[in-house]
Amino acid sequence: MSERAAPFYCPYCGEEDLRPSEQGHGAWECGGCNRAFQLKFLGLLARGLGAADNGGDERI
């Protein structure tokens, strides 16, 4: 049985003092900024769509 991936740092302050939240699956708490956040897998991207079509450069 494999473990789920965990975030390496807080997306708000960059602190690495993270712990799982009691809120449920994918929820984390940051000891640095005292924020709670949730990670959610949205799905896989199809090849050839999005930024890959123009080489990743979306400037006009």
C-alpha atoms as a PDB file:
ATOM      1  CA  MET A   1       0.000   0.000   0.000  1.00  0.00           C
ATOM      2  CA  SER A   2       1.485   3.351  -1.016  1.00  0.00           C
ATOM      3  CA  GLU A   3       1.291   6.637   0.855  1.00  0.00           C
ATOM      4  CA  ARG A   4      -0.334   9.709  -0.663  1.00  0.00           C
ATOM      5  CA  ALA A   5       1.844  12.636  -1.634  1.00  0.00           C
ATOM      6  CA  ALA A   6       2.185  15.376   0.954  1.00  0.00           C
ATOM      7  CA  PRO A   7       2.902  19.055   0.291  1.00  0.00           C
ATOM      8  CA  PHE A   8       6.471  20.168   1.006  1.00  0.00           C
ATOM      9  CA  TYR A   9       5.600  23.755   1.974  1.00  0.00           C
ATOM     10  CA  CYS A  10       2.641  26.017   2.689  1.00  0.00           C
ATOM     11  CA  PRO A  11       1.251  27.678  -0.473  1.00  0.00           C
ATOM     12  CA  TYR A  12       0.652  30.900   1.500  1.00  0.00           C
ATOM     13  CA  CYS A  13       3.831  31.515   3.507  1.00  0.00           C
ATOM     14  CA  GLY A  14       6.301  28.873   2.270  1.00  0.00           C
ATOM     15  CA  GLU A  15       6.819  27.390   5.745  1.00  0.00           C
ATOM     16  CA  GLU A  16       7.560  23.658   5.967  1.00  0.00           C
ATOM     17  CA  ASP A  17       5.844  23.148   9.366  1.00  0.00           C
ATOM     18  CA  LEU A  18       2.803  21.263   7.990  1.00  0.00           C
ATOM     19  CA  ARG A  19       0.608  18.634   9.589  1.00  0.00           C
ATOM     20  CA  PRO A  20      -2.523  16.796   8.455  1.00  0.00           C
ATOM     21  CA  SER A  21      -5.759  18.501   9.480  1.00  0.00           C
ATOM     22  CA  GLU A  22      -8.655  16.828  11.240  1.00  0.00           C
ATOM     23  CA  GLN A  23     -10.931  18.310   8.532  1.00  0.00           C
ATOM     24  CA  GLY A  24     -10.463  15.232   6.389  1.00  0.00           C
ATOM     25  CA  HIS A  25      -8.659  13.871   3.353  1.00  0.00           C
ATOM     26  CA  GLY A  26      -6.270  16.301   1.686  1.00  0.00           C
ATOM     27  CA  ALA A  27      -6.553  18.990   4.385  1.00  0.00           C
ATOM     28  CA  TRP A  28      -3.384  20.424   5.937  1.00  0.00           C
ATOM     29  CA  GLU A  29      -2.531  22.960   8.639  1.00  0.00           C
ATOM     30  CA  CYS A  30       0.474  25.287   8.619  1.00  0.00           C
ATOM     31  CA  GLY A  31       2.193  25.990  11.925  1.00  0.00           C
ATOM     32  CA  GLY A  32       3.933  29.046  10.444  1.00  0.00           C
ATOM     33  CA  CYS A  33       0.977  31.183   9.331  1.00  0.00           C
ATOM     34  CA  ASN A  34      -1.794  29.283  11.166  1.00  0.00           C
ATOM     35  CA  ARG A  35      -3.736  28.674   7.935  1.00  0.00           C
ATOM     36  CA  ALA A  36      -5.537  25.553   6.819  1.00  0.00           C
ATOM     37  CA  PHE A  37      -5.738  24.500   3.177  1.00  0.00           C
ATOM     38  CA  GLN A  38      -6.873  21.511   1.162  1.00  0.00           C
ATOM     39  CA  LEU A  39      -5.238  19.714  -1.749  1.00  0.00           C
ATOM     40  CA  LYS A  40      -7.420  18.221  -4.444  1.00  0.00           C
ATOM     41  CA  PHE A  41      -6.511  16.188  -7.501  1.00  0.00           C
ATOM     42  CA  LEU A  42      -8.508  17.527 -10.457  1.00  0.00           C
ATOM     43  CA  GLY A  43      -7.549  15.000 -13.119  1.00  0.00           C
ATOM     44  CA  LEU A  44      -5.129  14.366 -15.942  1.00  0.00           C
ATOM     45  CA  LEU A  45      -4.553  16.785 -18.783  1.00  0.00           C
ATOM     46  CA  ALA A  46      -4.861  15.584 -22.350  1.00  0.00           C
ATOM     47  CA  ARG A  47      -1.695  15.781 -24.429  1.00  0.00           C
ATOM     48  CA  GLY A  48      -1.571  18.566 -26.962  1.00  0.00           C
ATOM     49  CA  LEU A  49      -3.921  20.875 -25.088  1.00  0.00           C
ATOM     50  CA  GLY A  50      -3.222  24.106 -23.237  1.00  0.00           C
ATOM     51  CA  ALA A  51       0.218  25.666 -23.040  1.00  0.00           C
ATOM     52  CA  ALA A  52       1.834  22.736 -24.889  1.00  0.00           C
ATOM     53  CA  ASP A  53       0.174  23.885 -28.142  1.00  0.00           C
ATOM     54  CA  ASN A  54       2.189  27.100 -28.314  1.00  0.00           C
ATOM     55  CA  GLY A  55       5.349  25.971 -26.576  1.00  0.00           C
ATOM     56  CA  GLY A  56       4.244  27.312 -23.206  1.00  0.00           C
ATOM     57  CA  ASP A  57       4.519  30.946 -24.264  1.00  0.00           C
ATOM     58  CA  GLU A  58       1.107  32.612 -24.024  1.00  0.00           C
ATOM     59  CA  ARG A  59       2.284  36.196 -24.546  1.00  0.00           C
ATOM     60  CA  ILE A  60       0.617  38.167 -27.291  1.00  0.00           C
END
